[in-house]
N, C-alpha and C. Protein backbone atom coordinates (compact mmCIF):
# COMPACT_ATOMS: atom_id res chain seq x y z
N MET A 1 12.57 10.75 -3.43
CA MET A 1 13.17 9.47 -3.24
C MET A 1 12.19 8.43 -2.72
N PRO A 2 11.30 8.71 -1.76
CA PRO A 2 10.32 7.69 -1.41
C PRO A 2 9.29 7.51 -2.53
N LEU A 3 8.86 6.28 -2.71
CA LEU A 3 7.86 5.93 -3.72
C LEU A 3 6.84 5.01 -3.09
N ILE A 4 5.56 5.27 -3.38
CA ILE A 4 4.51 4.32 -3.04
C ILE A 4 3.71 4.07 -4.31
N LYS A 5 3.67 2.80 -4.72
CA LYS A 5 2.95 2.40 -5.93
C LYS A 5 1.88 1.40 -5.54
N VAL A 6 0.66 1.69 -5.96
CA VAL A 6 -0.49 0.85 -5.64
C VAL A 6 -0.97 0.19 -6.93
N GLN A 7 -0.94 -1.14 -6.94
CA GLN A 7 -1.47 -1.91 -8.06
C GLN A 7 -2.65 -2.71 -7.55
N THR A 8 -3.75 -2.69 -8.29
CA THR A 8 -4.94 -3.38 -7.82
C THR A 8 -5.74 -3.96 -8.98
N SER A 9 -6.53 -4.95 -8.65
CA SER A 9 -7.40 -5.57 -9.64
C SER A 9 -8.73 -4.83 -9.78
N VAL A 10 -9.04 -3.94 -8.87
CA VAL A 10 -10.34 -3.27 -8.89
C VAL A 10 -10.34 -2.09 -9.86
N SER A 11 -11.54 -1.71 -10.27
CA SER A 11 -11.71 -0.53 -11.12
C SER A 11 -11.45 0.72 -10.30
N PRO A 12 -10.95 1.76 -10.94
CA PRO A 12 -10.64 2.98 -10.19
C PRO A 12 -11.91 3.72 -9.79
N PRO A 13 -11.87 4.38 -8.64
CA PRO A 13 -12.99 5.28 -8.31
C PRO A 13 -12.90 6.53 -9.19
N GLN A 14 -13.73 7.50 -8.93
CA GLN A 14 -13.71 8.75 -9.69
C GLN A 14 -12.33 9.39 -9.62
N LYS A 15 -11.97 10.14 -10.66
CA LYS A 15 -10.65 10.76 -10.75
C LYS A 15 -10.32 11.59 -9.52
N ALA A 16 -11.27 12.36 -9.03
CA ALA A 16 -11.03 13.21 -7.86
C ALA A 16 -10.70 12.36 -6.63
N GLU A 17 -11.36 11.21 -6.49
CA GLU A 17 -11.11 10.33 -5.35
C GLU A 17 -9.72 9.68 -5.45
N VAL A 18 -9.31 9.34 -6.68
CA VAL A 18 -7.97 8.80 -6.89
C VAL A 18 -6.92 9.85 -6.52
N GLU A 19 -7.13 11.08 -6.97
CA GLU A 19 -6.18 12.15 -6.65
C GLU A 19 -6.11 12.40 -5.15
N THR A 20 -7.25 12.39 -4.48
CA THR A 20 -7.28 12.57 -3.03
C THR A 20 -6.52 11.45 -2.34
N MET A 21 -6.72 10.20 -2.81
CA MET A 21 -6.01 9.06 -2.23
C MET A 21 -4.50 9.22 -2.41
N LEU A 22 -4.06 9.58 -3.62
CA LEU A 22 -2.63 9.72 -3.88
C LEU A 22 -2.01 10.84 -3.06
N LEU A 23 -2.70 11.95 -2.93
CA LEU A 23 -2.19 13.05 -2.12
C LEU A 23 -2.08 12.65 -0.65
N SER A 24 -3.05 11.90 -0.18
CA SER A 24 -3.02 11.42 1.20
C SER A 24 -1.88 10.42 1.41
N LEU A 25 -1.71 9.48 0.47
CA LEU A 25 -0.61 8.52 0.57
C LEU A 25 0.73 9.24 0.57
N SER A 26 0.87 10.27 -0.26
CA SER A 26 2.11 11.04 -0.34
C SER A 26 2.43 11.70 1.00
N ALA A 27 1.46 12.38 1.57
CA ALA A 27 1.67 13.06 2.85
C ALA A 27 1.98 12.07 3.97
N LYS A 28 1.25 10.96 3.99
CA LYS A 28 1.47 9.95 5.03
C LYS A 28 2.84 9.31 4.91
N LEU A 29 3.26 9.00 3.66
CA LEU A 29 4.57 8.36 3.48
C LEU A 29 5.68 9.30 3.95
N ALA A 30 5.57 10.57 3.59
CA ALA A 30 6.58 11.54 4.03
C ALA A 30 6.64 11.59 5.56
N LYS A 31 5.49 11.60 6.18
CA LYS A 31 5.45 11.67 7.65
C LYS A 31 6.03 10.40 8.29
N HIS A 32 5.63 9.24 7.79
CA HIS A 32 6.13 7.98 8.35
C HIS A 32 7.66 7.88 8.24
N LEU A 33 8.21 8.37 7.12
CA LEU A 33 9.65 8.25 6.88
C LEU A 33 10.44 9.45 7.38
N GLY A 34 9.76 10.52 7.73
CA GLY A 34 10.45 11.73 8.18
C GLY A 34 11.24 12.38 7.06
N LYS A 35 10.70 12.31 5.84
CA LYS A 35 11.37 12.89 4.67
C LYS A 35 10.48 13.95 4.05
N PRO A 36 11.08 14.89 3.32
CA PRO A 36 10.27 15.94 2.69
C PRO A 36 9.31 15.37 1.65
N GLU A 37 8.08 15.83 1.69
CA GLU A 37 7.10 15.37 0.71
C GLU A 37 7.48 15.80 -0.71
N SER A 38 8.31 16.82 -0.82
CA SER A 38 8.72 17.31 -2.15
C SER A 38 9.47 16.25 -2.95
N TYR A 39 9.93 15.17 -2.30
CA TYR A 39 10.62 14.08 -3.00
C TYR A 39 9.75 12.83 -3.17
N VAL A 40 8.56 12.81 -2.60
CA VAL A 40 7.71 11.62 -2.63
C VAL A 40 6.99 11.51 -3.97
N MET A 41 6.98 10.27 -4.52
CA MET A 41 6.24 9.98 -5.74
C MET A 41 5.19 8.92 -5.43
N THR A 42 4.01 9.08 -6.03
CA THR A 42 2.95 8.09 -5.89
C THR A 42 2.56 7.59 -7.28
N ALA A 43 2.04 6.37 -7.35
CA ALA A 43 1.55 5.81 -8.61
C ALA A 43 0.36 4.91 -8.30
N PHE A 44 -0.59 4.88 -9.22
CA PHE A 44 -1.79 4.06 -9.05
C PHE A 44 -2.08 3.35 -10.36
N GLU A 45 -2.16 2.03 -10.31
CA GLU A 45 -2.43 1.20 -11.48
C GLU A 45 -3.64 0.31 -11.19
N PRO A 46 -4.82 0.69 -11.67
CA PRO A 46 -6.02 -0.11 -11.43
C PRO A 46 -6.24 -1.16 -12.53
N GLU A 47 -7.19 -2.02 -12.28
CA GLU A 47 -7.66 -3.01 -13.24
C GLU A 47 -6.56 -3.91 -13.81
N ILE A 48 -5.63 -4.30 -12.95
CA ILE A 48 -4.57 -5.23 -13.35
C ILE A 48 -5.07 -6.65 -13.07
N PRO A 49 -5.01 -7.54 -14.05
CA PRO A 49 -5.41 -8.92 -13.77
C PRO A 49 -4.50 -9.50 -12.68
N MET A 50 -5.09 -9.92 -11.59
CA MET A 50 -4.32 -10.42 -10.44
C MET A 50 -5.09 -11.55 -9.77
N THR A 51 -4.35 -12.42 -9.09
CA THR A 51 -4.97 -13.42 -8.22
C THR A 51 -4.28 -13.38 -6.86
N PHE A 52 -4.97 -13.88 -5.87
CA PHE A 52 -4.40 -14.05 -4.53
C PHE A 52 -5.17 -15.18 -3.87
N ALA A 53 -4.47 -16.10 -3.26
CA ALA A 53 -5.09 -17.24 -2.58
C ALA A 53 -5.98 -18.04 -3.53
N GLY A 54 -5.59 -18.08 -4.80
CA GLY A 54 -6.30 -18.89 -5.77
C GLY A 54 -7.62 -18.33 -6.26
N THR A 55 -7.85 -17.02 -6.01
CA THR A 55 -9.09 -16.40 -6.49
C THR A 55 -8.78 -15.08 -7.18
N THR A 56 -9.75 -14.59 -7.92
CA THR A 56 -9.64 -13.28 -8.57
C THR A 56 -10.44 -12.23 -7.81
N ASP A 57 -10.80 -12.51 -6.56
CA ASP A 57 -11.46 -11.50 -5.74
C ASP A 57 -10.57 -10.26 -5.65
N PRO A 58 -11.14 -9.09 -5.34
CA PRO A 58 -10.34 -7.87 -5.28
C PRO A 58 -9.06 -8.04 -4.46
N VAL A 59 -7.96 -7.54 -5.02
CA VAL A 59 -6.65 -7.69 -4.41
C VAL A 59 -5.82 -6.45 -4.69
N CYS A 60 -4.80 -6.23 -3.87
CA CYS A 60 -3.95 -5.05 -4.03
C CYS A 60 -2.52 -5.39 -3.65
N TYR A 61 -1.58 -4.85 -4.41
CA TYR A 61 -0.14 -4.98 -4.13
C TYR A 61 0.42 -3.57 -4.05
N ILE A 62 1.14 -3.29 -2.98
CA ILE A 62 1.71 -1.96 -2.76
C ILE A 62 3.22 -2.09 -2.63
N GLU A 63 3.95 -1.24 -3.35
CA GLU A 63 5.40 -1.16 -3.21
C GLU A 63 5.74 0.15 -2.52
N ILE A 64 6.59 0.06 -1.51
CA ILE A 64 7.10 1.25 -0.83
C ILE A 64 8.62 1.16 -0.86
N LYS A 65 9.24 2.15 -1.50
CA LYS A 65 10.69 2.18 -1.61
C LYS A 65 11.20 3.51 -1.08
N SER A 66 12.37 3.46 -0.45
CA SER A 66 12.96 4.68 0.09
C SER A 66 14.46 4.48 0.27
N ILE A 67 15.19 5.57 0.12
CA ILE A 67 16.63 5.52 0.38
C ILE A 67 16.84 5.45 1.88
N GLY A 68 17.71 4.56 2.30
CA GLY A 68 17.97 4.39 3.72
C GLY A 68 17.33 3.13 4.24
N THR A 69 17.25 3.02 5.54
CA THR A 69 16.73 1.81 6.17
C THR A 69 15.42 2.10 6.87
N MET A 70 14.39 1.36 6.50
CA MET A 70 13.12 1.44 7.21
C MET A 70 13.17 0.47 8.37
N LYS A 71 12.79 0.94 9.52
CA LYS A 71 12.82 0.13 10.74
C LYS A 71 11.51 -0.65 10.89
N PRO A 72 11.55 -1.78 11.60
CA PRO A 72 10.35 -2.59 11.77
C PRO A 72 9.15 -1.83 12.33
N ASP A 73 9.38 -0.90 13.26
CA ASP A 73 8.25 -0.15 13.80
C ASP A 73 7.64 0.77 12.74
N GLN A 74 8.46 1.28 11.83
CA GLN A 74 7.96 2.11 10.73
C GLN A 74 7.13 1.27 9.76
N THR A 75 7.66 0.11 9.37
CA THR A 75 6.93 -0.71 8.40
C THR A 75 5.62 -1.23 8.99
N GLU A 76 5.63 -1.54 10.28
CA GLU A 76 4.40 -1.99 10.94
C GLU A 76 3.35 -0.88 10.92
N ALA A 77 3.75 0.34 11.27
CA ALA A 77 2.82 1.47 11.28
C ALA A 77 2.32 1.78 9.86
N MET A 78 3.22 1.71 8.88
CA MET A 78 2.80 1.98 7.50
C MET A 78 1.84 0.90 7.00
N SER A 79 2.09 -0.35 7.35
CA SER A 79 1.20 -1.42 6.93
C SER A 79 -0.21 -1.19 7.46
N GLN A 80 -0.31 -0.85 8.73
CA GLN A 80 -1.62 -0.58 9.32
C GLN A 80 -2.30 0.60 8.63
N ASP A 81 -1.56 1.69 8.48
CA ASP A 81 -2.10 2.93 7.92
C ASP A 81 -2.54 2.74 6.47
N PHE A 82 -1.65 2.19 5.64
CA PHE A 82 -1.95 2.09 4.21
C PHE A 82 -2.99 1.01 3.91
N CYS A 83 -2.98 -0.10 4.65
CA CYS A 83 -4.03 -1.11 4.46
C CYS A 83 -5.40 -0.53 4.79
N GLN A 84 -5.46 0.25 5.87
CA GLN A 84 -6.72 0.89 6.25
C GLN A 84 -7.20 1.83 5.15
N GLN A 85 -6.31 2.65 4.63
CA GLN A 85 -6.72 3.61 3.61
C GLN A 85 -7.15 2.92 2.32
N ILE A 86 -6.42 1.92 1.88
CA ILE A 86 -6.78 1.21 0.65
C ILE A 86 -8.11 0.49 0.84
N ASN A 87 -8.32 -0.09 2.01
CA ASN A 87 -9.60 -0.74 2.29
C ASN A 87 -10.75 0.26 2.19
N GLN A 88 -10.58 1.43 2.78
CA GLN A 88 -11.64 2.44 2.76
C GLN A 88 -11.85 3.03 1.37
N THR A 89 -10.77 3.28 0.65
CA THR A 89 -10.89 3.94 -0.65
C THR A 89 -11.27 3.00 -1.77
N LEU A 90 -10.66 1.81 -1.80
CA LEU A 90 -10.86 0.89 -2.92
C LEU A 90 -11.74 -0.30 -2.58
N GLY A 91 -11.99 -0.52 -1.29
CA GLY A 91 -12.83 -1.64 -0.87
C GLY A 91 -12.14 -2.99 -0.88
N VAL A 92 -10.81 -3.01 -0.96
CA VAL A 92 -10.06 -4.27 -0.92
C VAL A 92 -9.88 -4.67 0.54
N SER A 93 -10.21 -5.91 0.86
CA SER A 93 -10.05 -6.41 2.23
C SER A 93 -8.59 -6.34 2.64
N LYS A 94 -8.35 -5.98 3.89
CA LYS A 94 -6.98 -5.86 4.39
C LYS A 94 -6.21 -7.17 4.24
N ASN A 95 -6.90 -8.29 4.35
CA ASN A 95 -6.21 -9.58 4.24
C ASN A 95 -5.94 -9.99 2.79
N ARG A 96 -6.24 -9.08 1.85
CA ARG A 96 -5.93 -9.30 0.43
C ARG A 96 -5.02 -8.18 -0.09
N ILE A 97 -4.26 -7.60 0.82
CA ILE A 97 -3.30 -6.54 0.46
C ILE A 97 -1.92 -6.99 0.89
N TYR A 98 -1.00 -7.03 -0.06
CA TYR A 98 0.41 -7.26 0.25
C TYR A 98 1.16 -5.94 0.09
N ILE A 99 2.11 -5.71 0.97
CA ILE A 99 2.97 -4.53 0.86
C ILE A 99 4.42 -5.00 0.87
N GLU A 100 5.17 -4.53 -0.11
CA GLU A 100 6.61 -4.79 -0.16
C GLU A 100 7.35 -3.52 0.23
N PHE A 101 8.16 -3.60 1.27
CA PHE A 101 9.00 -2.49 1.70
C PHE A 101 10.42 -2.75 1.19
N ALA A 102 11.00 -1.79 0.50
CA ALA A 102 12.34 -1.98 -0.05
C ALA A 102 13.21 -0.77 0.26
N ASP A 103 14.35 -1.03 0.89
CA ASP A 103 15.35 0.00 1.14
C ASP A 103 16.22 0.12 -0.10
N ALA A 104 16.50 1.33 -0.53
CA ALA A 104 17.33 1.56 -1.71
C ALA A 104 18.64 2.23 -1.32
N LYS A 105 19.71 1.83 -1.98
CA LYS A 105 20.99 2.52 -1.81
C LYS A 105 20.93 3.83 -2.58
N SER A 106 21.52 4.87 -2.03
CA SER A 106 21.42 6.20 -2.64
C SER A 106 21.98 6.24 -4.06
N ALA A 107 23.02 5.47 -4.33
CA ALA A 107 23.61 5.46 -5.67
C ALA A 107 22.74 4.70 -6.67
N MET A 108 21.73 3.99 -6.18
CA MET A 108 20.85 3.21 -7.06
C MET A 108 19.51 3.91 -7.29
N TRP A 109 19.44 5.20 -6.95
CA TRP A 109 18.20 5.96 -7.12
C TRP A 109 18.54 7.24 -7.86
N GLY A 110 18.07 7.36 -9.10
CA GLY A 110 18.40 8.51 -9.92
C GLY A 110 17.33 9.58 -9.89
N TRP A 111 17.77 10.82 -10.12
CA TRP A 111 16.86 11.96 -10.17
C TRP A 111 17.60 13.15 -10.76
N ASN A 112 16.94 13.88 -11.61
CA ASN A 112 17.46 15.14 -12.13
C ASN A 112 18.84 14.97 -12.82
N GLY A 113 19.00 13.86 -13.53
CA GLY A 113 20.24 13.62 -14.27
C GLY A 113 21.39 13.13 -13.42
N SER A 114 21.14 12.77 -12.17
CA SER A 114 22.20 12.30 -11.28
C SER A 114 21.62 11.22 -10.39
N THR A 115 22.29 10.91 -9.31
CA THR A 115 21.78 10.00 -8.29
C THR A 115 21.88 10.68 -6.94
N PHE A 116 21.29 10.05 -5.92
CA PHE A 116 21.37 10.59 -4.57
C PHE A 116 22.65 10.14 -3.87
N GLY A 117 23.46 9.29 -4.54
CA GLY A 117 24.63 8.72 -3.89
C GLY A 117 25.92 9.40 -4.17
């Protein structure tokens, strides 16, 4: 049910580094939300034409979705954690990373031919 999707304008690092980043994001998201990692999905989309603040300098957009309500202390901790990791892995400045946190209703999240609601 939790999802973290990373979209960025930068070229991807080596495949092994991308996989390591995604596995780390998966484990961290599960821990931050207190949910089983067996339900966490990650996605990475590099080399997307993007602008931010009127420039094409490296930029990143992250979507985090989960069933239930994320509390402000959780989103604050996730913002710090994930901005740091993306900065280290992809080289995107923290001030050029936006994160959207979205709470999902269980009936609006499908899996295995059904929904969680």
